[in-house]
Protein backbone atom coordinates (compact mmCIF):
# COMPACT_ATOMS: atom_id res chain seq x y z
CA MET A 1 0.00 0.00 0.00
CA ALA A 2 1.42 3.37 -1.00
CA HIS A 3 2.10 5.94 1.61
CA PRO A 4 0.00 9.10 1.36
CA SER A 5 3.13 11.12 0.80
CA ASP A 6 3.97 9.08 -2.31
CA ILE A 7 0.75 10.17 -4.04
CA ASP A 8 1.18 13.07 -6.36
CA SER A 9 -1.25 15.78 -5.24
CA ARG A 10 -1.49 17.09 -8.77
CA GLN A 11 -3.03 13.85 -10.04
CA PRO A 12 -6.74 13.21 -9.35
CA LEU A 13 -7.58 10.35 -7.03
CA TYR A 14 -10.04 8.99 -9.58
CA ARG A 15 -10.79 9.45 -13.26
CA ALA A 16 -14.20 9.51 -14.89
CA VAL A 17 -14.37 6.80 -17.53
CA PRO A 18 -17.07 7.09 -20.21
CA ILE A 19 -19.53 4.24 -20.32
CA LEU A 20 -18.86 3.76 -24.01
CA ASP A 21 -15.20 3.04 -23.28
CA VAL A 22 -16.14 0.40 -20.73
CA VAL A 23 -18.50 -1.30 -23.16
CA GLU A 24 -15.89 -1.30 -25.90
CA ALA A 25 -13.25 -2.70 -23.54
CA ALA A 26 -15.48 -5.58 -22.34
CA PRO A 27 -15.16 -8.98 -23.99
CA LEU A 28 -17.67 -9.97 -26.62
CA ASP A 29 -19.07 -12.82 -24.61
CA VAL A 30 -19.96 -10.49 -21.76
CA VAL A 31 -21.67 -7.68 -23.67
CA GLU A 32 -24.61 -9.17 -25.49
CA GLU A 33 -27.13 -7.29 -27.53
CA ALA A 34 -30.64 -7.46 -26.08
CA PRO A 35 -33.40 -8.84 -28.28
CA ALA A 36 -35.44 -6.26 -30.12
CA ASP A 37 -38.74 -7.56 -28.78
CA VAL A 38 -37.69 -7.35 -25.15
CA ILE A 39 -38.47 -4.11 -23.32
CA GLU A 40 -36.80 -3.58 -20.00
CA VAL A 41 -39.12 -2.19 -17.36
CA ALA A 42 -37.74 -0.54 -14.27
CA PRO A 43 -38.80 -2.20 -11.04
CA PRO A 44 -41.51 -0.35 -9.08
CA PRO A 45 -40.30 1.80 -6.20
CA PRO A 46 -40.66 0.30 -2.78
CA PHE A 47 -43.79 1.17 -0.84
CA VAL A 48 -43.02 3.85 1.72
CA LEU A 49 -45.47 5.01 4.37
CA PRO A 50 -46.08 8.76 4.27
CA VAL A 51 -44.22 10.66 6.95
CA GLU A 52 -45.93 13.62 8.55
CA SER A 53 -43.90 16.75 7.86
CA THR A 54 -42.78 18.83 10.76
CA GLU A 55 -42.41 21.99 8.63
CA PRO A 56 -45.20 24.59 8.63
CA PRO A 57 -47.44 24.62 5.55
CA LEU A 58 -46.52 26.97 2.76
CA VAL A 59 -48.43 30.26 2.78
CA ASP A 60 -48.81 32.45 -0.27
CA LEU A 61 -47.71 35.75 1.16
CA ALA A 62 -48.27 37.54 -2.14
CA SER A 63 -52.02 36.97 -2.13
CA PRO A 64 -53.22 36.21 1.40
CA ARG A 65 -56.84 35.37 2.04
CA ARG A 66 -58.57 38.50 3.23
CA SER A 67 -61.91 38.86 4.87
CA VAL A 68 -64.89 40.37 3.09
CA PRO A 69 -64.97 43.58 5.22
CA PHE A 70 -61.26 44.08 4.52
CA ARG A 71 -61.78 43.73 0.78
CA VAL A 72 -64.76 46.09 0.86
CA HIS A 73 -62.76 48.76 2.69
CA TYR A 74 -59.84 48.19 0.32
CA ALA A 75 -62.10 48.69 -2.70
CA ILE A 76 -63.62 51.86 -1.23
CA PHE A 77 -60.22 53.41 -0.53
CA ALA A 78 -58.99 52.35 -3.98
CA VAL A 79 -61.95 54.03 -5.69
CA ILE A 80 -61.48 57.21 -3.64
CA GLU A 81 -57.79 57.29 -4.45
CA TRP A 82 -58.43 56.67 -8.15
CA LEU A 83 -61.06 59.42 -8.43
CA CYS A 84 -58.93 61.96 -6.57
CA GLY A 85 -55.88 60.96 -8.59
CA GLY A 86 -57.75 61.27 -11.87
CA ALA A 87 -59.08 64.73 -10.97
CA THR A 88 -55.62 65.88 -9.86
CA LEU A 89 -54.10 64.51 -13.05
CA MET A 90 -56.58 66.37 -15.26
CA ILE A 91 -55.99 69.64 -13.41
CA GLY A 92 -52.22 69.22 -13.57
CA LEU A 93 -52.31 68.53 -17.31
CA ALA A 94 -54.56 71.56 -17.83
CA ILE A 95 -52.16 73.82 -15.92
CA LEU A 96 -49.22 72.53 -17.96
CA ALA A 97 -51.18 72.95 -21.19
CA ALA A 98 -51.76 76.63 -20.41
CA ILE A 99 -48.02 77.36 -20.08
CA PRO A 100 -46.05 77.90 -23.31
CA ILE A 101 -43.36 75.29 -24.05
CA LEU A 102 -44.42 73.25 -21.03
CA ASN A 103 -47.63 72.39 -22.85
CA LEU A 104 -45.58 69.82 -24.76
CA LEU A 105 -45.48 67.87 -21.50
CA SER A 106 -49.26 67.62 -21.59
CA LEU A 107 -49.20 66.46 -25.22
CA GLY A 108 -46.48 63.93 -24.40
CA TYR A 109 -48.51 62.47 -21.56
CA LEU A 110 -51.58 62.06 -23.78
CA LEU A 111 -49.50 60.33 -26.44
CA GLU A 112 -47.81 58.05 -23.91
CA ALA A 113 -51.18 57.08 -22.44
CA GLY A 114 -52.47 56.01 -25.84
CA GLY A 115 -49.14 54.40 -26.75
CA ARG A 116 -49.18 52.17 -23.68
CA ILE A 117 -52.68 50.98 -24.51
CA ALA A 118 -51.58 50.30 -28.09
CA ARG A 119 -48.68 48.19 -26.83
CA SER A 120 -50.60 46.23 -24.20
CA GLY A 121 -54.21 46.37 -25.41
CA ARG A 122 -55.50 47.22 -21.91
CA LEU A 123 -57.32 50.49 -21.23
CA ARG A 124 -56.20 50.60 -17.61
CA ASP A 125 -52.59 51.05 -18.73
CA GLY A 126 -53.43 54.49 -20.08
CA PHE A 127 -54.00 56.02 -16.63
CA ILE A 128 -50.36 56.72 -15.84
CA GLY A 129 -49.37 58.02 -12.42
CA VAL A 130 -52.87 58.15 -10.95
CA ARG A 131 -51.67 56.96 -7.52
CA LEU A 132 -48.82 59.48 -7.35
CA ALA A 133 -51.15 62.23 -8.57
CA ALA A 134 -53.59 61.35 -5.77
CA ARG A 135 -50.86 61.66 -3.12
CA LEU A 136 -49.53 64.95 -4.50
CA GLY A 137 -53.06 66.31 -4.90
CA GLY A 138 -53.84 65.32 -1.31
CA ILE A 139 -50.76 67.19 -0.09
CA VAL A 140 -51.70 70.32 -2.03
CA SER A 141 -55.34 70.19 -0.89
CA ALA A 142 -54.45 69.63 2.76
CA SER A 143 -51.91 72.47 2.61
CA GLN A 144 -54.55 74.80 1.23
CA MET A 145 -56.90 73.84 4.06
CA LEU A 146 -54.21 74.70 6.60
CA LEU A 147 -53.79 78.07 4.93
CA LEU A 148 -57.43 79.03 5.50
CA PRO A 149 -56.70 80.53 8.96
CA VAL A 150 -53.85 82.49 7.38
CA TYR A 151 -56.21 83.92 4.78
CA PHE A 152 -58.71 84.86 7.49
CA VAL A 153 -56.13 86.59 9.69
CA ALA A 154 -54.65 88.37 6.66
CA ASP A 155 -58.10 89.71 5.79
CA MET A 156 -58.62 90.90 9.39
CA ALA A 157 -55.19 92.57 9.41
CA LYS A 158 -56.00 94.34 6.15
CA SER A 159 -59.35 95.56 7.55
CA ALA A 160 -57.69 96.78 10.73
CA ALA A 161 -55.08 98.66 8.71
CA ILE A 162 -57.84 100.36 6.71
CA ILE A 163 -59.90 101.32 9.79
CA ASP A 164 -56.99 102.43 11.99
CA PRO A 165 -53.79 102.86 9.97
CA GLY A 166 -50.76 102.58 12.21
CA GLY A 167 -52.92 101.84 15.29
CA ARG A 168 -52.21 99.27 17.97
CA SER A 169 -54.92 96.92 16.77
CA ALA A 170 -53.56 96.88 13.21
CA GLN A 171 -50.06 96.29 14.54
CA ASN A 172 -51.20 93.36 16.70
CA TRP A 173 -53.02 91.77 13.77
CA ARG A 174 -49.91 92.18 11.64
CA ILE A 175 -47.68 90.54 14.27
CA GLY A 176 -50.17 87.72 14.76
CA LEU A 177 -50.27 87.18 10.99
CA MET A 178 -46.48 86.87 10.82
CA ILE A 179 -46.42 84.37 13.68
CA LEU A 180 -49.25 82.32 12.14
CA ILE A 181 -47.53 82.26 8.75
CA ALA A 182 -44.30 81.02 10.33
CA LEU A 183 -46.04 78.29 12.35
CA THR A 184 -48.09 77.16 9.38
CA PHE A 185 -45.05 77.01 7.14
CA VAL A 186 -43.08 74.96 9.67
CA HIS A 187 -46.01 72.57 10.17
CA ILE A 188 -46.55 72.05 6.43
CA ALA A 189 -42.83 71.55 5.83
CA ALA A 190 -42.55 69.02 8.68
CA THR A 191 -45.63 67.16 7.49
CA CYS A 192 -44.36 66.97 3.92
CA ALA A 193 -40.99 65.75 5.21
CA ARG A 194 -42.69 63.02 7.22
CA GLY A 195 -44.95 61.98 4.37
CA LEU A 196 -42.22 61.44 1.78
CA LYS A 197 -42.28 57.68 2.33
CA LEU A 198 -46.04 57.56 1.82
CA LEU A 199 -45.82 58.71 -1.79
CA ALA A 200 -44.48 55.44 -3.18
CA ASN A 201 -46.62 53.06 -1.09
CA LYS A 202 -49.11 51.09 -3.17
CA GLU A 203 -51.77 50.59 -0.51
CA PRO A 204 -54.77 52.87 -1.24
CA TRP A 205 -55.43 53.85 2.37
CA TYR A 206 -52.05 55.59 2.49
CA PHE A 207 -53.70 58.29 0.40
CA VAL A 208 -56.08 59.06 3.26
CA LEU A 209 -53.22 58.71 5.73
CA THR A 210 -51.25 61.32 3.82
CA ILE A 211 -54.09 63.82 4.28
CA LEU A 212 -54.73 62.93 7.93
CA LEU A 213 -51.05 63.44 8.64
CA PHE A 214 -51.57 67.18 8.18
CA LEU A 215 -53.94 67.19 11.16
CA TRP A 216 -51.34 65.68 13.50
CA PRO A 217 -49.84 68.58 15.51
CA PHE A 218 -46.58 66.86 16.54
CA ASN A 219 -44.92 66.43 13.17
CA VAL A 220 -42.33 69.05 14.07
CA ILE A 221 -41.29 66.99 17.11
CA TRP A 222 -40.98 63.89 14.93
CA LEU A 223 -38.87 65.78 12.38
CA ALA A 224 -36.56 67.15 15.12
CA GLY A 225 -36.02 63.67 16.55
CA ARG A 226 -35.42 62.20 13.11
CA VAL A 227 -32.82 64.86 12.29
CA LEU A 228 -31.02 64.23 15.58
CA ARG A 229 -30.72 60.51 14.80
CA GLY A 230 -28.75 61.39 11.65
CA GLY A 231 -29.00 60.37 8.03
CA TYR A 232 -32.24 62.21 7.37
CA TYR A 233 -30.77 64.53 4.74
CA THR A 234 -29.68 61.59 2.58
CA GLU A 235 -33.01 59.84 3.04
CA ALA A 236 -35.03 62.95 2.17
CA ARG A 237 -32.81 63.78 -0.80
CA ASP A 238 -33.18 60.28 -2.23
CA ALA A 239 -36.96 60.30 -1.68
CA VAL A 240 -37.37 63.67 -3.42
CA TRP A 241 -35.09 62.60 -6.26
CA ASP A 242 -36.95 59.31 -6.77
CA THR A 243 -40.30 61.14 -6.81
CA VAL A 244 -39.10 63.72 -9.33
CA MET A 245 -37.51 61.09 -11.57
CA SER A 246 -40.65 58.96 -11.47
CA LEU A 247 -42.48 61.81 -13.20
CA ARG A 248 -40.32 61.27 -16.32
CA LEU A 249 -40.66 64.89 -17.39
CA PRO A 250 -37.84 64.86 -20.00
CA TYR A 251 -39.35 61.78 -21.64
CA TYR A 252 -42.82 63.29 -21.89
CA PHE A 253 -41.43 66.57 -23.19
CA TRP A 254 -39.40 64.84 -25.90
CA LEU A 255 -42.33 62.63 -26.89
CA GLY A 256 -44.67 65.63 -27.04
CA PHE A 257 -42.17 67.58 -29.13
CA ARG A 258 -41.84 64.76 -31.65
CA GLY A 259 -45.60 64.25 -31.72
CA PHE A 260 -46.07 67.96 -32.41
CA VAL A 261 -43.45 67.95 -35.18
CA GLY A 262 -44.88 64.82 -36.82
CA ALA A 263 -48.45 66.11 -36.88
CA PHE A 264 -47.50 69.65 -37.92
CA ALA A 265 -45.46 68.28 -40.84
CA TRP A 266 -48.64 66.74 -42.23
CA LEU A 267 -50.88 69.73 -41.44
CA VAL A 268 -48.76 72.70 -42.49
CA LEU A 269 -49.36 72.43 -46.25
CA PRO A 270 -53.16 71.91 -46.34
CA ILE A 271 -53.72 74.44 -43.54
CA SER A 272 -51.55 76.99 -45.33
CA LEU A 273 -53.55 76.50 -48.52
CA LEU A 274 -56.74 77.09 -46.56
CA ALA A 275 -55.25 80.23 -45.04
CA VAL A 276 -54.27 81.56 -48.47
CA SER A 277 -57.87 81.34 -49.66
CA ARG A 278 -58.85 83.74 -46.86
CA PHE A 279 -56.67 86.56 -48.15
CA GLY A 280 -57.06 86.00 -51.88
CA GLN A 281 -60.03 87.22 -53.87
CA SER A 282 -59.26 85.57 -57.21
CA GLY A 283 -60.35 82.22 -58.50
CA GLY A 284 -56.83 80.88 -58.02
CA ALA A 285 -56.99 81.50 -54.27
CA SER A 286 -60.33 79.70 -54.06
CA LEU A 287 -58.85 76.79 -55.96
CA LEU A 288 -55.92 76.64 -53.55
CA GLY A 289 -58.35 76.67 -50.63
CA PHE A 290 -60.33 73.81 -52.16
CA ILE A 291 -57.13 71.81 -52.71
CA GLY A 292 -56.09 72.45 -49.12
CA ALA A 293 -59.47 71.33 -47.78
CA LEU A 294 -59.34 68.18 -49.93
CA MET A 295 -55.82 67.38 -48.76
CA LEU A 296 -56.83 67.89 -45.13
CA ALA A 297 -59.85 65.61 -45.53
CA VAL A 298 -57.64 62.89 -47.01
CA ILE A 299 -54.83 63.21 -44.44
CA LEU A 300 -57.02 63.63 -41.37
CA PRO A 301 -58.19 59.98 -41.07
CA TYR A 302 -54.57 58.85 -40.85
CA LEU A 303 -53.13 61.49 -38.52
CA PRO A 304 -54.44 60.32 -35.11
CA PHE A 305 -53.18 56.80 -35.79
CA LEU A 306 -49.88 57.95 -37.25
CA GLN A 307 -49.28 60.03 -34.16
CA MET A 308 -50.24 57.09 -31.96
CA ARG A 309 -47.88 54.85 -33.88
CA LEU A 310 -45.11 57.32 -33.07
CA ALA A 311 -45.99 56.96 -29.39
CA GLN A 312 -46.22 53.18 -29.68
CA THR A 313 -42.83 52.73 -31.34
CA ASN A 314 -41.19 55.77 -29.71
CA ARG A 315 -39.77 56.67 -33.14
CA LEU A 316 -40.39 59.84 -35.13
CA ARG A 317 -40.58 57.85 -38.35
CA GLY A 318 -43.68 56.14 -36.96
CA ALA A 319 -45.59 59.36 -37.77
CA PHE A 320 -44.92 58.77 -41.48
CA GLN A 321 -45.59 55.02 -41.82
CA LEU A 322 -48.81 55.13 -43.81
CA GLY A 323 -48.50 51.53 -44.93
CA ALA A 324 -48.24 50.27 -41.35
CA VAL A 325 -51.35 52.22 -40.36
CA ARG A 326 -53.27 50.83 -43.33
CA ARG A 327 -52.29 47.30 -42.32
CA ASP A 328 -53.36 47.98 -38.75
CA PHE A 329 -56.69 49.26 -40.03
CA GLY A 330 -57.22 46.02 -41.93
CA ARG A 331 -56.94 44.03 -38.71
CA ALA A 332 -59.38 46.23 -36.73
CA PRO A 333 -61.42 48.36 -39.17
CA TRP A 334 -64.45 49.13 -37.05
CA ALA A 335 -62.36 49.88 -33.98
CA PHE A 336 -60.41 52.43 -36.06
CA ALA A 337 -63.64 53.94 -37.40
CA PHE A 338 -65.17 54.22 -33.94
CA ALA A 339 -62.05 55.84 -32.45
CA PHE A 340 -61.81 58.33 -35.34
CA VAL A 341 -65.45 59.40 -35.21
CA VAL A 342 -65.35 59.84 -31.42
CA THR A 343 -62.14 61.88 -31.72
CA LEU A 344 -63.77 64.32 -34.14
CA LEU A 345 -67.02 64.49 -32.16
CA PHE A 346 -65.13 65.35 -28.96
CA ALA A 347 -63.13 68.01 -30.80
CA LEU A 348 -66.09 69.92 -32.26
CA PRO A 349 -67.56 71.40 -29.02
CA LEU A 350 -64.14 72.73 -28.05
CA TYR A 351 -64.25 75.28 -30.85
CA LEU A 352 -66.85 77.20 -28.84
CA LEU A 353 -64.13 78.02 -26.29
CA LYS A 354 -61.99 79.59 -29.01
CA ILE A 355 -64.42 82.43 -29.68
CA GLN A 356 -63.33 84.64 -26.76
CA ILE A 357 -59.90 84.69 -25.20
CA VAL A 358 -59.66 84.45 -21.42
CA PRO A 359 -57.20 86.17 -19.05
CA ARG A 360 -53.89 84.37 -18.63
CA GLU A 361 -54.60 83.78 -14.92
CA ALA A 362 -57.64 81.67 -15.82
CA ALA A 363 -56.19 80.08 -18.96
CA TRP A 364 -56.09 76.65 -17.31
CA LEU A 365 -59.89 76.53 -17.00
CA PRO A 366 -60.64 76.16 -20.74
CA SER A 367 -57.57 73.94 -20.99
CA LEU A 368 -59.17 71.66 -18.41
CA VAL A 369 -62.19 71.23 -20.67
CA PHE A 370 -59.89 70.47 -23.60
CA ILE A 371 -58.00 67.83 -21.58
CA VAL A 372 -61.23 66.18 -20.40
CA PHE A 373 -62.46 65.83 -23.99
CA ILE A 374 -59.18 64.94 -25.69
CA PHE A 375 -57.89 62.42 -23.15
CA PRO A 376 -60.65 59.81 -23.85
CA ALA A 377 -60.10 60.26 -27.58
CA ARG A 378 -56.41 59.43 -27.18
CA LEU A 379 -57.26 56.37 -25.11
CA LEU A 380 -59.70 55.13 -27.76
CA THR A 381 -57.10 55.62 -30.50
CA GLY A 382 -54.60 53.56 -28.53
CA TRP A 383 -57.29 50.95 -27.86
CA ALA A 384 -58.02 50.60 -31.59
CA MET A 385 -54.35 50.10 -32.39
CA GLY A 386 -54.06 47.63 -29.52
CA ARG A 387 -56.85 45.53 -31.03
CA ALA A 388 -55.04 45.55 -34.36
CA ASN A 389 -51.79 44.42 -32.75
CA ARG A 390 -53.47 41.41 -31.15
CA ARG A 391 -54.58 40.06 -34.53
CA ALA A 392 -52.24 38.51 -37.04
CA GLN A 393 -54.56 38.34 -40.05
CA PRO A 394 -56.74 41.04 -41.66
CA ARG A 395 -60.45 40.94 -41.13
CA HIS A 396 -62.97 39.86 -43.75
CA TRP A 397 -63.22 42.14 -46.76
CA PHE A 398 -66.79 43.06 -45.80
CA PHE A 399 -65.68 44.55 -42.48
CA ARG A 400 -62.71 46.29 -44.08
CA TRP A 401 -64.81 48.04 -46.72
CA THR A 402 -67.72 48.92 -44.46
CA GLY A 403 -65.26 50.20 -41.88
CA ARG A 404 -64.10 52.83 -44.38
CA LEU A 405 -67.56 54.33 -44.77
CA PRO A 406 -67.58 56.63 -41.68
CA PHE A 407 -64.14 58.11 -42.35
CA LEU A 408 -64.73 60.35 -45.33
CA PRO A 409 -68.07 61.91 -44.22
CA ALA A 410 -66.73 62.59 -40.72
CA ALA A 411 -63.51 64.09 -42.08
CA ALA A 412 -65.36 66.22 -44.64
CA PHE A 413 -67.75 67.61 -42.03
CA TYR A 414 -64.85 68.40 -39.67
CA VAL A 415 -62.89 70.18 -42.42
CA LEU A 416 -65.95 72.24 -43.33
CA LEU A 417 -66.38 73.31 -39.72
CA VAL A 418 -62.68 74.10 -39.37
CA PHE A 419 -62.86 76.32 -42.44
CA PHE A 420 -65.65 78.43 -40.94
CA THR A 421 -64.05 78.64 -37.48
CA GLN A 422 -61.50 81.09 -38.86
CA TYR A 423 -64.34 83.63 -38.94
CA THR A 424 -65.46 82.94 -35.36
CA SER A 425 -62.24 82.21 -33.47
CA TRP A 426 -60.38 84.93 -31.62
CA ASN A 427 -57.15 84.50 -33.61
CA GLY A 428 -58.91 84.49 -36.96
CA VAL A 429 -57.09 82.70 -39.74
CA TRP A 430 -54.24 81.74 -37.42
CA SER A 431 -56.66 79.54 -35.51
CA LEU A 432 -56.46 77.09 -38.42
CA TYR A 433 -53.04 76.10 -37.11
CA GLU A 434 -54.43 75.43 -33.61
CA GLN A 435 -55.56 71.86 -34.24
CA HIS A 436 -56.07 70.84 -30.63
CA ILE A 437 -56.97 67.21 -31.39
CA LEU A 438 -53.49 66.64 -32.85
CA LEU A 439 -51.30 69.42 -31.51
CA VAL A 440 -51.15 71.08 -28.09
CA PRO A 441 -54.47 70.54 -26.22
CA VAL A 442 -55.22 74.23 -25.64
CA PRO A 443 -57.72 76.64 -27.20
CA PHE A 444 -54.99 79.12 -28.17
CA LEU A 445 -51.57 77.93 -29.29
CA GLY A 446 -49.84 81.07 -28.03
CA MET A 447 -50.91 80.61 -24.41
């Protein structure tokens, strides 16, 4: 027997030998070929009595069984959060739409909402950021409620200054107002600092908790203790940064800019021909106007879907892929027709708000009406393209041809109305370029 020291440590103690080598090395009288009609069956496993496991049963922590009252309360809070988030989202988009340059953010959001539905085929995917909007709207609403005493004291201080200018009563009201403003500001700041973690939580009752947190009077004490423990600056900075980045503002702005450029590239020539007919008195100008109206009626049925294809593919060239849109129409003709007709119907009443311009301070109010009407149209356009993406083959020729019937009458009626709106809109002939169903969703492009 060899001594362990005589064994070379670099050589393996054993070597894996392939089975084929063993078979080839065996003598012929040992390895015999089995008959073809004989099938080897593995012996059955031995019978083993079941052993009771000592481990706890597996529990699905992702979807635990919840009681009926719990699910009812959960549904109620979810509906409240969704409604408040939707209202806050519409108001926020309307405010952005009323601000020049930033209104491209509003257009980008509308395109992204429809693009997500086109990619997934689900309408619920178009309501982007509803939960975050609900939390931010709750913070703004609760802050405004806390400012009501400040408004009341400010009004009393102003009245006292009018009645007795420079008197003791006016001075006391002014000092009290300054103290109340400082206390209110500190309380709101401390509450917002404490509620940063509640913004990203997915449970719907955290929306109500965010609002109730403003009624808790000891948030300043909590903030002081949290600062003394250290690390709060890093935590707050990361929470604010994550919230701001989750808004994806650069992405929406870039998408809205490309959507604006793609649609305007199609509209600029026919709209310009229509505008020329307004200033010309000769037959040539009328002919140019007729050509522009005809071009607009032909291009208009494609534009909402071309713009939505841009949002779906996130490529500017998607706004010019007429063949792809025609193929999509063949797979869902009546869905395309329904989305197009609804888009034009929702756009027509909005021309009434273009008759008289409103002050800049209240510009978001008509923009809110525009957002409320245009947002469902964008969702329906994305829904129609989503139905087309789920089908691999075109529909029957009967549905394809009958689906084309509503397009031309609806487009012709819309073009006729657009032509006459230049005589009723505030900006006159320049209002022809303010196509709110395809461009910025505002009554006046220069807002």
